[in-house]
Amino acid sequence: MQEKTNSILVSTLLTLYANSLSSTLDGQMIVLEGFYSDNNGRLYGRYFYDEILDKDKSHKITAQFTESLKTKLNSGSYYQFQGFIQKGQSIDNDSRLKVFFRVTKILKHEEKVQIVSKVEYDILRARFDRDFPIIQDILLSKIEREQKPIIDIITGVQSTSQEDYSNQLHDKDYYNIRHHKCNLSSKDAILEFLNSYNFANSDLLVIIRGGGSGLEVFNEIELCKRAIELPIPFITGIGHEEDKTLLQRVSDKAFSTPTAVGVFLQKVVSSHKERLRLVSNKDLEMQRFKKQVESEKLLLTNQIALQKKTLIIISFTVFLAVLIITFLLLK
């Protein structure tokens, strides 16, 4: 006999266990739907501990996945999962009973469901209401005026991201780079920096961090809202190719890795150097042209002088011949 399953939302599930040690769902096989979020954690016992989020992304629950199930999932995709409630042995920070959803089966994968909530949509629209600065032109403009663009770069406290981008930026002397260490896994720490730092003389803010766990902080609405309110442009180099956070989507330019940020900054300098090379070649070409014109002008002047001199000699010779003939005739 097939066991009956009940469809339920993450928010409903959390509400049922918010103030109670038991529920009518205890021991039942249920169906839970939501976005799968990979926490990039290690295997504990038989399970990975990741998360399932509601469509509005305002509620989430820790879910247990076996290794075989986890390999079939894509982070950020929407699924229907079959499983049951597993209770923890302690209380969480909000004095609620810890509950986990142990997944036994993946029932459905819905590709058309987008992981954009109403709040996220409002943030994205607010971003598009602001001008999109052309970062490369901003940097090039100052470099061509022989001024160093001032760039503030935020990296993690113990991160190697600074080396990753720096190894690609061979012409660092063209920039005035100020490095700042910050806990990039903490929304409060990042907000504290953005709210307290004086960006008055900055040209660009760069936030770089490698991949791994903790990237969800860059999906925080408050953080993204503050970022788009900054008085200067900002770019991101966060995570790996497969990671795409909300902060990256509202940035003025987003790169998939810190290394890519270094490549971009170097390309700006290389573009400037190429312009200088082209201008220098044009100057040399113009100088060669001027020399050629002057040489041809001198040659023509000499030819005219020679022709004048020849003409005078011929004229004098003719005049002398006429005198001689006239003299002979009158003799």
C-alpha atoms as a PDB file:
ATOM      1  CA  MET A   1       0.000   0.000   0.000  1.00  0.00           C
ATOM      2  CA  GLN A   2       1.427   3.359  -1.054  1.00  0.00           C
ATOM      3  CA  GLU A   3       2.116   5.792   1.752  1.00  0.00           C
ATOM      4  CA  LYS A   4       0.214   9.056   1.518  1.00  0.00           C
ATOM      5  CA  THR A   5       2.271  12.225   1.243  1.00  0.00           C
ATOM      6  CA  ASN A   6       1.299  15.802   2.139  1.00  0.00           C
ATOM      7  CA  SER A   7       2.621  18.823   0.243  1.00  0.00           C
ATOM      8  CA  ILE A   8       3.926  21.597   2.512  1.00  0.00           C
ATOM      9  CA  LEU A   9       5.887  24.871   2.331  1.00  0.00           C
ATOM     10  CA  VAL A  10       9.058  25.672   4.251  1.00  0.00           C
ATOM     11  CA  SER A  11       7.365  28.589   6.044  1.00  0.00           C
ATOM     12  CA  THR A  12       4.481  26.352   7.143  1.00  0.00           C
ATOM     13  CA  LEU A  13       6.844  23.673   8.363  1.00  0.00           C
ATOM     14  CA  LEU A  14       8.850  26.124  10.455  1.00  0.00           C
ATOM     15  CA  THR A  15       5.685  27.640  11.926  1.00  0.00           C
ATOM     16  CA  LEU A  16       4.419  24.246  13.024  1.00  0.00           C
ATOM     17  CA  TYR A  17       7.589  23.570  14.988  1.00  0.00           C
ATOM     18  CA  ALA A  18       8.238  27.124  16.206  1.00  0.00           C
ATOM     19  CA  ASN A  19       6.772  26.694  19.688  1.00  0.00           C
ATOM     20  CA  SER A  20       6.065  23.000  19.912  1.00  0.00           C
ATOM     21  CA  LEU A  21       8.092  19.880  20.554  1.00  0.00           C
ATOM     22  CA  SER A  22       5.723  17.793  18.457  1.00  0.00           C
ATOM     23  CA  SER A  23       3.503  18.072  15.406  1.00  0.00           C
ATOM     24  CA  THR A  24       0.993  16.066  13.454  1.00  0.00           C
ATOM     25  CA  LEU A  25       3.729  15.749  10.811  1.00  0.00           C
ATOM     26  CA  ASP A  26       5.942  13.686  13.122  1.00  0.00           C
ATOM     27  CA  GLY A  27       6.765  10.383  11.472  1.00  0.00           C
ATOM     28  CA  GLN A  28       4.965  11.240   8.240  1.00  0.00           C
ATOM     29  CA  MET A  29       6.467  11.203   4.777  1.00  0.00           C
ATOM     30  CA  ILE A  30       5.909  14.706   3.380  1.00  0.00           C
ATOM     31  CA  VAL A  31       6.701  16.634   0.212  1.00  0.00           C
ATOM     32  CA  LEU A  32       8.601  19.895   0.601  1.00  0.00           C
ATOM     33  CA  GLU A  33       9.309  22.263  -2.292  1.00  0.00           C
ATOM     34  CA  GLY A  34      11.800  25.061  -2.599  1.00  0.00           C
ATOM     35  CA  PHE A  35      15.161  26.232  -3.873  1.00  0.00           C
ATOM     36  CA  TYR A  36      18.153  24.046  -3.094  1.00  0.00           C
ATOM     37  CA  SER A  37      21.140  25.909  -1.621  1.00  0.00           C
ATOM     38  CA  ASP A  38      24.500  24.158  -1.466  1.00  0.00           C
ATOM     39  CA  ASN A  39      26.437  25.107   1.678  1.00  0.00           C
ATOM     40  CA  ASN A  40      29.616  23.466   0.344  1.00  0.00           C
ATOM     41  CA  GLY A  41      30.011  21.674   3.646  1.00  0.00           C
ATOM     42  CA  ARG A  42      31.665  18.396   4.504  1.00  0.00           C
ATOM     43  CA  LEU A  43      29.980  15.043   4.880  1.00  0.00           C
ATOM     44  CA  TYR A  44      28.908  14.456   8.489  1.00  0.00           C
ATOM     45  CA  GLY A  45      28.167  10.830   9.090  1.00  0.00           C
ATOM     46  CA  ARG A  46      25.996   9.838   6.128  1.00  0.00           C
ATOM     47  CA  TYR A  47      24.659  13.297   5.309  1.00  0.00           C
ATOM     48  CA  PHE A  48      25.467  16.727   3.903  1.00  0.00           C
ATOM     49  CA  TYR A  49      23.707  19.601   5.655  1.00  0.00           C
ATOM     50  CA  ASP A  50      22.434  22.082   3.046  1.00  0.00           C
ATOM     51  CA  GLU A  51      19.331  24.288   2.848  1.00  0.00           C
ATOM     52  CA  ILE A  52      15.922  24.485   1.181  1.00  0.00           C
ATOM     53  CA  LEU A  53      14.427  27.984   0.691  1.00  0.00           C
ATOM     54  CA  ASP A  54      10.879  29.207  -0.007  1.00  0.00           C
ATOM     55  CA  LYS A  55      10.078  30.986  -3.281  1.00  0.00           C
ATOM     56  CA  ASP A  56      10.286  34.347  -1.534  1.00  0.00           C
ATOM     57  CA  LYS A  57      13.600  33.268   0.047  1.00  0.00           C
ATOM     58  CA  SER A  58      12.486  34.626   3.423  1.00  0.00           C
ATOM     59  CA  HIS A  59      12.299  31.177   5.042  1.00  0.00           C
ATOM     60  CA  LYS A  60      14.764  28.308   4.927  1.00  0.00           C
ATOM     61  CA  ILE A  61      15.327  24.989   6.622  1.00  0.00           C
ATOM     62  CA  THR A  62      18.414  22.833   6.978  1.00  0.00           C
ATOM     63  CA  ALA A  63      18.069  19.668   4.936  1.00  0.00           C
ATOM     64  CA  GLN A  64      20.011  16.405   5.119  1.00  0.00           C
ATOM     65  CA  PHE A  65      21.114  14.866   1.824  1.00  0.00           C
ATOM     66  CA  THR A  66      22.992  11.670   1.136  1.00  0.00           C
ATOM     67  CA  GLU A  67      25.960  11.959  -1.176  1.00  0.00           C
ATOM     68  CA  SER A  68      24.114  10.183  -4.002  1.00  0.00           C
ATOM     69  CA  LEU A  69      21.189  12.663  -3.823  1.00  0.00           C
ATOM     70  CA  LYS A  70      23.434  15.715  -3.536  1.00  0.00           C
ATOM     71  CA  THR A  71      25.230  14.890  -6.791  1.00  0.00           C
ATOM     72  CA  LYS A  72      21.905  15.215  -8.661  1.00  0.00           C
ATOM     73  CA  LEU A  73      21.188  18.746  -7.441  1.00  0.00           C
ATOM     74  CA  ASN A  74      22.106  22.216  -8.759  1.00  0.00           C
ATOM     75  CA  SER A  75      22.371  25.024  -6.244  1.00  0.00           C
ATOM     76  CA  GLY A  76      19.731  27.694  -6.904  1.00  0.00           C
ATOM     77  CA  SER A  77      17.352  25.324  -8.715  1.00  0.00           C
ATOM     78  CA  TYR A  78      13.784  24.616  -7.610  1.00  0.00           C
ATOM     79  CA  TYR A  79      12.789  21.091  -6.576  1.00  0.00           C
ATOM     80  CA  GLN A  80      10.127  19.018  -4.891  1.00  0.00           C
ATOM     81  CA  PHE A  81      11.670  16.782  -2.235  1.00  0.00           C
ATOM     82  CA  GLN A  82      10.214  13.803  -0.412  1.00  0.00           C
ATOM     83  CA  GLY A  83      11.341  13.163   3.132  1.00  0.00           C
ATOM     84  CA  PHE A  84      10.509  13.469   6.812  1.00  0.00           C
ATOM     85  CA  ILE A  85      11.249  15.652   9.819  1.00  0.00           C
ATOM     86  CA  GLN A  86      14.336  14.916  11.890  1.00  0.00           C
ATOM     87  CA  LYS A  87      14.511  16.709  15.256  1.00  0.00           C
ATOM     88  CA  GLY A  88      17.735  18.068  16.690  1.00  0.00           C
ATOM     89  CA  GLN A  89      18.974  17.579  20.213  1.00  0.00           C
ATOM     90  CA  SER A  90      19.235  21.281  21.086  1.00  0.00           C
ATOM     91  CA  ILE A  91      17.541  24.684  20.789  1.00  0.00           C
ATOM     92  CA  ASP A  92      18.659  27.260  18.195  1.00  0.00           C
ATOM     93  CA  ASN A  93      19.567  30.920  18.876  1.00  0.00           C
ATOM     94  CA  ASP A  94      15.908  31.959  18.612  1.00  0.00           C
ATOM     95  CA  SER A  95      14.935  29.457  21.349  1.00  0.00           C
ATOM     96  CA  ARG A  96      13.255  27.236  18.789  1.00  0.00           C
ATOM     97  CA  LEU A  97      13.519  23.512  18.473  1.00  0.00           C
ATOM     98  CA  LYS A  98      16.028  22.576  15.790  1.00  0.00           C
ATOM     99  CA  VAL A  99      14.382  20.595  13.026  1.00  0.00           C
ATOM    100  CA  PHE A 100      15.924  19.141   9.887  1.00  0.00           C
ATOM    101  CA  PHE A 101      14.302  17.820   6.752  1.00  0.00           C
ATOM    102  CA  ARG A 102      15.845  14.500   5.824  1.00  0.00           C
ATOM    103  CA  VAL A 103      15.452  14.054   2.066  1.00  0.00           C
ATOM    104  CA  THR A 104      14.784  10.555   0.820  1.00  0.00           C
ATOM    105  CA  LYS A 105      13.873  11.281  -2.776  1.00  0.00           C
ATOM    106  CA  ILE A 106      13.921  14.045  -5.403  1.00  0.00           C
ATOM    107  CA  LEU A 107      10.435  14.127  -6.938  1.00  0.00           C
ATOM    108  CA  LYS A 108      10.586  17.022  -9.385  1.00  0.00           C
ATOM    109  CA  HIS A 109      12.902  19.684 -10.791  1.00  0.00           C
ATOM    110  CA  GLU A 110      11.182  22.864 -11.995  1.00  0.00           C
ATOM    111  CA  GLU A 111      13.526  24.774 -14.304  1.00  0.00           C
ATOM    112  CA  LYS A 112      11.180  27.716 -14.973  1.00  0.00           C
ATOM    113  CA  VAL A 113      10.954  28.884 -11.370  1.00  0.00           C
ATOM    114  CA  GLN A 114      13.212  31.918 -10.900  1.00  0.00           C
ATOM    115  CA  ILE A 115      15.091  32.545  -7.679  1.00  0.00           C
ATOM    116  CA  VAL A 116      14.128  36.238  -7.528  1.00  0.00           C
ATOM    117  CA  SER A 117      11.856  37.412  -4.738  1.00  0.00           C
ATOM    118  CA  LYS A 118       9.740  40.579  -4.770  1.00  0.00           C
ATOM    119  CA  VAL A 119      12.281  42.307  -2.510  1.00  0.00           C
ATOM    120  CA  GLU A 120      15.151  41.269  -4.792  1.00  0.00           C
ATOM    121  CA  TYR A 121      13.230  42.487  -7.823  1.00  0.00           C
ATOM    122  CA  ASP A 122      12.766  45.894  -6.180  1.00  0.00           C
ATOM    123  CA  ILE A 123      16.510  46.094  -5.468  1.00  0.00           C
ATOM    124  CA  LEU A 124      17.369  45.151  -9.057  1.00  0.00           C
ATOM    125  CA  ARG A 125      14.941  47.727 -10.410  1.00  0.00           C
ATOM    126  CA  ALA A 126      16.399  50.370  -8.095  1.00  0.00           C
ATOM    127  CA  ARG A 127      19.822  49.505  -9.467  1.00  0.00           C
ATOM    128  CA  PHE A 128      18.663  49.960 -13.049  1.00  0.00           C
ATOM    129  CA  ASP A 129      17.209  53.351 -12.151  1.00  0.00           C
ATOM    130  CA  ARG A 130      20.771  54.479 -11.429  1.00  0.00           C
ATOM    131  CA  ASP A 131      23.251  55.349 -14.171  1.00  0.00           C
ATOM    132  CA  PHE A 132      25.638  52.643 -15.322  1.00  0.00           C
ATOM    133  CA  PRO A 133      29.145  54.124 -15.224  1.00  0.00           C
ATOM    134  CA  ILE A 134      31.673  52.836 -17.757  1.00  0.00           C
ATOM    135  CA  ILE A 135      34.379  51.751 -15.339  1.00  0.00           C
ATOM    136  CA  GLN A 136      37.099  51.400 -17.956  1.00  0.00           C
ATOM    137  CA  ASP A 137      36.558  54.953 -19.225  1.00  0.00           C
ATOM    138  CA  ILE A 138      36.630  56.346 -15.679  1.00  0.00           C
ATOM    139  CA  LEU A 139      39.986  54.714 -14.960  1.00  0.00           C
ATOM    140  CA  LEU A 140      41.454  55.492 -18.386  1.00  0.00           C
ATOM    141  CA  SER A 141      40.458  59.143 -18.154  1.00  0.00           C
ATOM    142  CA  LYS A 142      42.509  59.660 -14.996  1.00  0.00           C
ATOM    143  CA  ILE A 143      45.467  57.602 -16.215  1.00  0.00           C
ATOM    144  CA  GLU A 144      45.630  59.615 -19.447  1.00  0.00           C
ATOM    145  CA  ARG A 145      45.719  62.808 -17.380  1.00  0.00           C
ATOM    146  CA  GLU A 146      48.698  61.276 -15.576  1.00  0.00           C
ATOM    147  CA  GLN A 147      46.657  60.826 -12.403  1.00  0.00           C
ATOM    148  CA  LYS A 148      46.424  57.595 -10.463  1.00  0.00           C
ATOM    149  CA  PRO A 149      42.851  56.293 -10.008  1.00  0.00           C
ATOM    150  CA  ILE A 150      42.161  55.715  -6.316  1.00  0.00           C
ATOM    151  CA  ILE A 151      40.773  52.215  -5.763  1.00  0.00           C
ATOM    152  CA  ASP A 152      39.552  50.809  -2.438  1.00  0.00           C
ATOM    153  CA  ILE A 153      39.698  47.007  -2.388  1.00  0.00           C
ATOM    154  CA  ILE A 154      37.973  44.974   0.318  1.00  0.00           C
ATOM    155  CA  THR A 155      39.237  41.434   0.965  1.00  0.00           C
ATOM    156  CA  GLY A 156      38.572  38.842   3.644  1.00  0.00           C
ATOM    157  CA  VAL A 157      40.533  38.909   6.883  1.00  0.00           C
ATOM    158  CA  GLN A 158      42.495  35.745   6.068  1.00  0.00           C
ATOM    159  CA  SER A 159      41.814  35.637   2.357  1.00  0.00           C
ATOM    160  CA  THR A 160      44.342  35.044  -0.435  1.00  0.00           C
ATOM    161  CA  SER A 161      42.180  37.016  -2.872  1.00  0.00           C
ATOM    162  CA  GLN A 162      44.598  39.936  -2.748  1.00  0.00           C
ATOM    163  CA  GLU A 163      47.321  37.717  -4.193  1.00  0.00           C
ATOM    164  CA  ASP A 164      44.925  36.286  -6.793  1.00  0.00           C
ATOM    165  CA  TYR A 165      44.114  39.657  -8.328  1.00  0.00           C
ATOM    166  CA  SER A 166      47.542  41.179  -7.675  1.00  0.00           C
ATOM    167  CA  ASN A 167      49.342  38.444  -9.612  1.00  0.00           C
ATOM    168  CA  GLN A 168      47.462  39.529 -12.732  1.00  0.00           C
ATOM    169  CA  LEU A 169      48.045  43.264 -12.250  1.00  0.00           C
ATOM    170  CA  HIS A 170      51.641  43.780 -13.403  1.00  0.00           C
ATOM    171  CA  ASP A 171      51.392  47.576 -13.709  1.00  0.00           C
ATOM    172  CA  LYS A 172      50.272  48.415 -10.172  1.00  0.00           C
ATOM    173  CA  ASP A 173      52.056  51.777 -10.226  1.00  0.00           C
ATOM    174  CA  TYR A 174      49.344  53.203 -12.464  1.00  0.00           C
ATOM    175  CA  TYR A 175      46.861  52.941  -9.567  1.00  0.00           C
ATOM    176  CA  ASN A 176      46.646  54.172  -6.002  1.00  0.00           C
ATOM    177  CA  ILE A 177      45.274  51.030  -4.348  1.00  0.00           C
ATOM    178  CA  ARG A 178      44.137  50.983  -0.732  1.00  0.00           C
ATOM    179  CA  HIS A 179      43.508  47.537   0.754  1.00  0.00           C
ATOM    180  CA  HIS A 180      40.994  46.907   3.516  1.00  0.00           C
ATOM    181  CA  LYS A 181      40.495  43.707   5.518  1.00  0.00           C
ATOM    182  CA  CYS A 182      36.946  42.835   6.484  1.00  0.00           C
ATOM    183  CA  ASN A 183      34.998  39.790   7.625  1.00  0.00           C
ATOM    184  CA  LEU A 184      33.253  39.051   4.326  1.00  0.00           C
ATOM    185  CA  SER A 185      31.094  36.361   5.905  1.00  0.00           C
ATOM    186  CA  SER A 186      29.403  38.914   8.160  1.00  0.00           C
ATOM    187  CA  LYS A 187      26.747  41.277   6.852  1.00  0.00           C
ATOM    188  CA  ASP A 188      27.180  43.535   9.890  1.00  0.00           C
ATOM    189  CA  ALA A 189      30.942  43.786   9.416  1.00  0.00           C
ATOM    190  CA  ILE A 190      30.590  44.742   5.743  1.00  0.00           C
ATOM    191  CA  LEU A 191      27.834  47.267   6.497  1.00  0.00           C
ATOM    192  CA  GLU A 192      29.924  48.808   9.265  1.00  0.00           C
ATOM    193  CA  PHE A 193      32.749  49.416   6.799  1.00  0.00           C
ATOM    194  CA  LEU A 194      30.470  50.826   4.081  1.00  0.00           C
ATOM    195  CA  ASN A 195      28.714  53.115   6.555  1.00  0.00           C
ATOM    196  CA  SER A 196      31.833  54.411   8.318  1.00  0.00           C
ATOM    197  CA  TYR A 197      34.371  54.734   5.481  1.00  0.00           C
ATOM    198  CA  ASN A 198      34.811  58.066   3.709  1.00  0.00           C
ATOM    199  CA  PHE A 199      34.680  57.510  -0.056  1.00  0.00           C
ATOM    200  CA  ALA A 200      35.067  61.227  -0.846  1.00  0.00           C
ATOM    201  CA  ASN A 201      38.267  60.861  -2.879  1.00  0.00           C
ATOM    202  CA  SER A 202      37.720  57.301  -4.122  1.00  0.00           C
ATOM    203  CA  ASP A 203      37.187  56.469  -7.773  1.00  0.00           C
ATOM    204  CA  LEU A 204      36.169  52.834  -7.374  1.00  0.00           C
ATOM    205  CA  LEU A 205      35.287  50.262  -4.725  1.00  0.00           C
ATOM    206  CA  VAL A 206      36.154  46.610  -5.318  1.00  0.00           C
ATOM    207  CA  ILE A 207      34.852  43.697  -3.232  1.00  0.00           C
ATOM    208  CA  ILE A 208      36.690  40.438  -3.861  1.00  0.00           C
ATOM    209  CA  ARG A 209      36.268  37.031  -2.274  1.00  0.00           C
ATOM    210  CA  GLY A 210      36.842  33.469  -3.366  1.00  0.00           C
ATOM    211  CA  GLY A 211      34.218  30.749  -3.518  1.00  0.00           C
ATOM    212  CA  GLY A 212      33.138  28.321  -0.812  1.00  0.00           C
ATOM    213  CA  SER A 213      30.620  28.564   2.002  1.00  0.00           C
ATOM    214  CA  GLY A 214      29.357  31.863   3.340  1.00  0.00           C
ATOM    215  CA  LEU A 215      28.573  33.485  -0.001  1.00  0.00           C
ATOM    216  CA  GLU A 216      24.925  33.830   1.001  1.00  0.00           C
ATOM    217  CA  VAL A 217      25.872  37.025   2.882  1.00  0.00           C
ATOM    218  CA  PHE A 218      26.076  38.708  -0.535  1.00  0.00           C
ATOM    219  CA  ASN A 219      22.366  38.004  -1.028  1.00  0.00           C
ATOM    220  CA  GLU A 220      21.431  40.122   2.009  1.00  0.00           C
ATOM    221  CA  ILE A 221      18.962  42.803   0.927  1.00  0.00           C
ATOM    222  CA  GLU A 222      20.225  45.433   3.381  1.00  0.00           C
ATOM    223  CA  LEU A 223      23.793  45.003   2.157  1.00  0.00           C
ATOM    224  CA  CYS A 224      22.834  45.224  -1.527  1.00  0.00           C
ATOM    225  CA  LYS A 225      20.673  48.275  -0.912  1.00  0.00           C
ATOM    226  CA  ARG A 226      23.538  50.061   0.843  1.00  0.00           C
ATOM    227  CA  ALA A 227      25.943  49.138  -1.970  1.00  0.00           C
ATOM    228  CA  ILE A 228      23.844  50.748  -4.695  1.00  0.00           C
ATOM    229  CA  GLU A 229      23.562  53.896  -2.576  1.00  0.00           C
ATOM    230  CA  LEU A 230      27.349  54.380  -2.544  1.00  0.00           C
ATOM    231  CA  PRO A 231      28.570  57.683  -4.049  1.00  0.00           C
ATOM    232  CA  ILE A 232      31.120  55.843  -6.227  1.00  0.00           C
ATOM    233  CA  PRO A 233      30.962  52.904  -8.659  1.00  0.00           C
ATOM    234  CA  PHE A 234      31.656  49.442  -7.273  1.00  0.00           C
ATOM    235  CA  ILE A 235      32.631  46.149  -8.845  1.00  0.00           C
ATOM    236  CA  THR A 236      32.717  42.624  -7.479  1.00  0.00           C
ATOM    237  CA  GLY A 237      34.938  39.613  -7.914  1.00  0.00           C
ATOM    238  CA  ILE A 238      33.093  37.031  -5.854  1.00  0.00           C
ATOM    239  CA  GLY A 239      33.066  33.255  -5.894  1.00  0.00           C
ATOM    240  CA  HIS A 240      33.598  30.945  -8.803  1.00  0.00           C
ATOM    241  CA  GLU A 241      31.942  30.708 -12.229  1.00  0.00           C
ATOM    242  CA  GLU A 242      28.888  28.903 -10.866  1.00  0.00           C
ATOM    243  CA  ASP A 243      28.247  31.437  -8.092  1.00  0.00           C
ATOM    244  CA  LYS A 244      26.014  34.436  -8.821  1.00  0.00           C
ATOM    245  CA  THR A 245      24.933  36.476  -5.813  1.00  0.00           C
ATOM    246  CA  LEU A 246      22.521  39.398  -5.635  1.00  0.00           C
ATOM    247  CA  LEU A 247      25.368  41.808  -4.866  1.00  0.00           C
ATOM    248  CA  GLN A 248      27.028  40.790  -8.131  1.00  0.00           C
ATOM    249  CA  ARG A 249      23.813  41.420 -10.036  1.00  0.00           C
ATOM    250  CA  VAL A 250      23.478  44.979  -8.691  1.00  0.00           C
ATOM    251  CA  SER A 251      27.168  45.872  -9.060  1.00  0.00           C
ATOM    252  CA  ASP A 252      28.403  48.203 -11.795  1.00  0.00           C
ATOM    253  CA  LYS A 253      30.592  45.409 -13.127  1.00  0.00           C
ATOM    254  CA  ALA A 254      30.754  41.822 -11.892  1.00  0.00           C
ATOM    255  CA  PHE A 255      33.600  39.352 -12.273  1.00  0.00           C
ATOM    256  CA  SER A 256      33.381  35.673 -11.415  1.00  0.00           C
ATOM    257  CA  THR A 257      36.718  35.522  -9.562  1.00  0.00           C
ATOM    258  CA  PRO A 258      39.228  37.869  -7.863  1.00  0.00           C
ATOM    259  CA  THR A 259      41.713  36.861 -10.564  1.00  0.00           C
ATOM    260  CA  ALA A 260      39.384  38.266 -13.228  1.00  0.00           C
ATOM    261  CA  VAL A 261      39.403  41.636 -11.431  1.00  0.00           C
ATOM    262  CA  GLY A 262      43.192  41.772 -11.727  1.00  0.00           C
ATOM    263  CA  VAL A 263      42.978  40.890 -15.422  1.00  0.00           C
ATOM    264  CA  PHE A 264      40.479  43.722 -15.960  1.00  0.00           C
ATOM    265  CA  LEU A 265      42.593  46.337 -14.163  1.00  0.00           C
ATOM    266  CA  GLN A 266      45.645  45.253 -16.159  1.00  0.00           C
ATOM    267  CA  LYS A 267      43.684  45.482 -19.419  1.00  0.00           C
ATOM    268  CA  VAL A 268      42.845  49.101 -18.628  1.00  0.00           C
ATOM    269  CA  VAL A 269      46.549  49.918 -18.259  1.00  0.00           C
ATOM    270  CA  SER A 270      47.417  47.862 -21.341  1.00  0.00           C
ATOM    271  CA  SER A 271      44.792  49.794 -23.299  1.00  0.00           C
ATOM    272  CA  HIS A 272      46.418  53.053 -22.176  1.00  0.00           C
ATOM    273  CA  LYS A 273      49.856  51.779 -23.191  1.00  0.00           C
ATOM    274  CA  GLU A 274      48.514  50.712 -26.568  1.00  0.00           C
ATOM    275  CA  ARG A 275      47.054  54.183 -27.113  1.00  0.00           C
ATOM    276  CA  LEU A 276      50.420  55.723 -26.235  1.00  0.00           C
ATOM    277  CA  ARG A 277      52.140  53.355 -28.665  1.00  0.00           C
ATOM    278  CA  LEU A 278      49.737  54.288 -31.457  1.00  0.00           C
ATOM    279  CA  VAL A 279      50.155  58.007 -30.732  1.00  0.00           C
ATOM    280  CA  SER A 280      53.941  57.576 -30.647  1.00  0.00           C
ATOM    281  CA  ASN A 281      53.868  55.739 -33.970  1.00  0.00           C
ATOM    282  CA  LYS A 282      51.716  58.509 -35.452  1.00  0.00           C
ATOM    283  CA  ASP A 283      54.171  61.117 -34.175  1.00  0.00           C
ATOM    284  CA  LEU A 284      57.105  59.236 -35.691  1.00  0.00           C
ATOM    285  CA  GLU A 285      55.214  58.856 -38.941  1.00  0.00           C
ATOM    286  CA  MET A 286      54.424  62.571 -38.943  1.00  0.00           C
ATOM    287  CA  GLN A 287      58.060  63.450 -38.253  1.00  0.00           C
ATOM    288  CA  ARG A 288      59.201  61.228 -41.108  1.00  0.00           C
ATOM    289  CA  PHE A 289      56.616  62.854 -43.382  1.00  0.00           C
ATOM    290  CA  LYS A 290      57.764  66.350 -42.381  1.00  0.00           C
ATOM    291  CA  LYS A 291      61.402  65.417 -43.043  1.00  0.00           C
ATOM    292  CA  GLN A 292      60.441  64.002 -46.424  1.00  0.00           C
ATOM    293  CA  VAL A 293      58.493  67.155 -47.304  1.00  0.00           C
ATOM    294  CA  GLU A 294      61.390  69.366 -46.187  1.00  0.00           C
ATOM    295  CA  SER A 295      63.851  67.239 -48.184  1.00  0.00           C
ATOM    296  CA  GLU A 296      61.689  67.424 -51.313  1.00  0.00           C
ATOM    297  CA  LYS A 297      61.192  71.153 -50.796  1.00  0.00           C
ATOM    298  CA  LEU A 298      64.961  71.693 -50.535  1.00  0.00           C
ATOM    299  CA  LEU A 299      65.546  69.598 -53.629  1.00  0.00           C
ATOM    300  CA  LEU A 300      62.940  71.571 -55.555  1.00  0.00           C
ATOM    301  CA  THR A 301      64.427  74.862 -54.349  1.00  0.00           C
ATOM    302  CA  ASN A 302      67.878  73.786 -55.518  1.00  0.00           C
ATOM    303  CA  GLN A 303      66.479  72.708 -58.866  1.00  0.00           C
ATOM    304  CA  ILE A 304      64.752  76.073 -59.334  1.00  0.00           C
ATOM    305  CA  ALA A 305      67.940  77.941 -58.399  1.00  0.00           C
ATOM    306  CA  LEU A 306      69.931  75.847 -60.836  1.00  0.00           C
ATOM    307  CA  GLN A 307      67.387  76.445 -63.596  1.00  0.00           C
ATOM    308  CA  LYS A 308      67.478  80.205 -62.909  1.00  0.00           C
ATOM    309  CA  LYS A 309      71.250  80.184 -63.087  1.00  0.00           C
ATOM    310  CA  THR A 310      71.167  78.212 -66.346  1.00  0.00           C
ATOM    311  CA  LEU A 311      68.569  80.567 -67.771  1.00  0.00           C
ATOM    312  CA  ILE A 312      70.738  83.596 -66.941  1.00  0.00           C
ATOM    313  CA  ILE A 313      73.769  82.022 -68.644  1.00  0.00           C
ATOM    314  CA  ILE A 314      71.703  81.165 -71.718  1.00  0.00           C
ATOM    315  CA  SER A 315      70.221  84.670 -71.823  1.00  0.00           C
ATOM    316  CA  PHE A 316      73.666  86.257 -71.515  1.00  0.00           C
ATOM    317  CA  THR A 317      75.060  83.958 -74.209  1.00  0.00           C
ATOM    318  CA  VAL A 318      72.212  84.853 -76.605  1.00  0.00           C
ATOM    319  CA  PHE A 319      72.652  88.551 -75.870  1.00  0.00           C
ATOM    320  CA  LEU A 320      76.377  88.302 -76.526  1.00  0.00           C
ATOM    321  CA  ALA A 321      75.790  86.401 -79.747  1.00  0.00           C
ATOM    322  CA  VAL A 322      73.341  89.087 -80.945  1.00  0.00           C
ATOM    323  CA  LEU A 323      75.899  91.816 -80.222  1.00  0.00           C
ATOM    324  CA  ILE A 324      78.588  89.973 -82.128  1.00  0.00           C
ATOM    325  CA  ILE A 325      76.339  89.388 -85.137  1.00  0.00           C
ATOM    326  CA  THR A 326      75.196  92.985 -85.116  1.00  0.00           C
ATOM    327  CA  PHE A 327      78.779  94.215 -84.965  1.00  0.00           C
ATOM    328  CA  LEU A 328      79.809  92.019 -87.860  1.00  0.00           C
ATOM    329  CA  LEU A 329      76.887  93.196 -89.973  1.00  0.00           C
ATOM    330  CA  LEU A 330      77.670  96.870 -89.375  1.00  0.00           C
ATOM    331  CA  LYS A 331      81.380  96.500 -90.039  1.00  0.00           C
END
